[in-house]
Amino acid sequence: MTYCGIRYPGGTTMVTTPDGRLLHAARSLCLRNHSPTGFEWGYHGSGPAQLALALLLDATGSDRLSLRLYQQFKAEIVAGWGDAWALESKEIDEWINRHA
């Protein structure tokens, strides 16, 4: 079960969930509005913060846990990605278990 992201030439990004859905920012934007223009990764900014929150929300279903951990998840995981990335669901679970 893998989350995948790709940045296309021109800067457009797409993130898919393990079940093949596109990951959208709507739910995460209701909790924290860092980047209404979409997700990003590979640096410490607002787009990566929005993605980190959305990934944790999708993986855990918990607003509270996701809000508590997303900035650290951004710094340790999301900020280090290049143009394309893949992240196993179990890697998210393991990361959460080490930090929760």
Protein backbone atom coordinates (compact mmCIF):
# COMPACT_ATOMS: atom_id res chain seq x y z
CA MET A 1 0.00 0.00 0.00
CA THR A 2 1.83 3.04 -1.30
CA TYR A 3 1.31 6.79 -1.46
CA CYS A 4 2.95 8.26 -4.58
CA GLY A 5 3.73 11.79 -5.70
CA ILE A 6 5.06 13.25 -8.91
CA ARG A 7 5.97 16.77 -9.97
CA TYR A 8 5.49 17.38 -13.68
CA PRO A 9 7.39 19.90 -15.80
CA GLY A 10 5.82 23.28 -15.12
CA GLY A 11 5.34 22.50 -11.43
CA THR A 12 2.02 20.64 -11.39
CA THR A 13 1.92 17.97 -8.66
CA MET A 14 -0.20 14.86 -8.22
CA VAL A 15 -0.44 12.63 -5.15
CA THR A 16 -2.22 9.27 -5.08
CA THR A 17 -3.31 7.17 -2.12
CA PRO A 18 -2.76 3.42 -1.67
CA ASP A 19 -6.22 2.69 -3.08
CA GLY A 20 -5.51 4.74 -6.21
CA ARG A 21 -7.48 7.88 -5.31
CA LEU A 22 -6.08 11.34 -5.86
CA LEU A 23 -5.24 12.91 -2.53
CA HIS A 24 -6.97 16.28 -2.27
CA ALA A 25 -6.20 19.08 0.16
CA ALA A 26 -9.81 19.88 1.12
CA ARG A 27 -9.96 18.00 4.43
CA SER A 28 -6.55 19.22 5.57
CA LEU A 29 -7.38 22.80 4.54
CA CYS A 30 -10.34 22.71 6.94
CA LEU A 31 -7.89 22.10 9.79
CA ARG A 32 -4.97 24.34 8.74
CA ASN A 33 -4.85 26.49 5.63
CA HIS A 34 -1.17 26.54 4.68
CA SER A 35 -1.43 26.19 0.91
CA PRO A 36 -4.78 26.58 -0.82
CA THR A 37 -2.97 26.32 -4.17
CA GLY A 38 -1.97 22.71 -3.53
CA PHE A 39 0.66 20.30 -2.34
CA GLU A 40 4.43 20.54 -2.66
CA TRP A 41 7.45 18.75 -1.24
CA GLY A 42 11.22 18.90 -1.16
CA TYR A 43 11.60 21.95 1.10
CA HIS A 44 10.31 23.41 4.39
CA GLY A 45 7.34 25.51 3.30
CA SER A 46 3.58 25.86 3.19
CA GLY A 47 2.91 23.38 0.36
CA PRO A 48 4.90 20.63 2.09
CA ALA A 49 3.10 21.40 5.37
CA GLN A 50 -0.27 20.96 3.65
CA LEU A 51 0.86 17.67 2.12
CA ALA A 52 2.23 16.36 5.42
CA LEU A 53 -1.06 17.13 7.15
CA ALA A 54 -3.11 15.56 4.33
CA LEU A 55 -0.99 12.39 4.31
CA LEU A 56 -1.27 11.93 8.06
CA LEU A 57 -5.02 12.60 7.97
CA ASP A 58 -5.52 10.08 5.21
CA ALA A 59 -3.32 7.45 6.85
CA THR A 60 -4.67 7.80 10.40
CA GLY A 61 -8.13 9.35 10.12
CA SER A 62 -7.27 11.36 13.23
CA ASP A 63 -7.46 15.15 13.15
CA ARG A 64 -5.86 15.46 16.57
CA LEU A 65 -2.90 13.17 15.94
CA SER A 66 -2.29 14.62 12.47
CA LEU A 67 -2.32 18.19 13.77
CA ARG A 68 0.13 17.28 16.50
CA LEU A 69 2.65 15.57 14.21
CA TYR A 70 2.45 17.06 10.72
CA GLN A 71 5.11 19.77 11.09
CA GLN A 72 7.64 17.23 12.33
CA PHE A 73 6.58 14.79 9.58
CA LYS A 74 7.11 17.57 7.05
CA ALA A 75 10.59 18.34 8.38
CA GLU A 76 11.74 14.72 8.64
CA ILE A 77 10.05 13.15 5.61
CA VAL A 78 8.29 15.45 3.13
CA ALA A 79 11.00 18.12 2.90
CA GLY A 80 13.54 15.56 1.67
CA TRP A 81 11.68 14.29 -1.39
CA GLY A 82 12.65 14.95 -5.02
CA ASP A 83 10.38 15.26 -8.05
CA ALA A 84 8.88 11.78 -7.59
CA TRP A 85 8.43 9.78 -4.41
CA ALA A 86 6.70 6.73 -2.96
CA LEU A 87 5.89 6.10 0.68
CA GLU A 88 4.52 2.86 2.07
CA SER A 89 1.59 3.04 4.49
CA LYS A 90 3.58 0.95 6.94
CA GLU A 91 6.39 3.54 6.85
CA ILE A 92 3.90 6.18 7.97
CA ASP A 93 2.63 3.87 10.72
CA GLU A 94 6.19 3.17 11.89
CA TRP A 95 7.05 6.87 11.87
CA ILE A 96 3.94 7.67 13.91
CA ASN A 97 4.72 4.91 16.41
CA ARG A 98 8.18 6.40 16.97
CA HIS A 99 6.84 9.96 17.42
CA ALA A 100 3.39 9.68 18.98
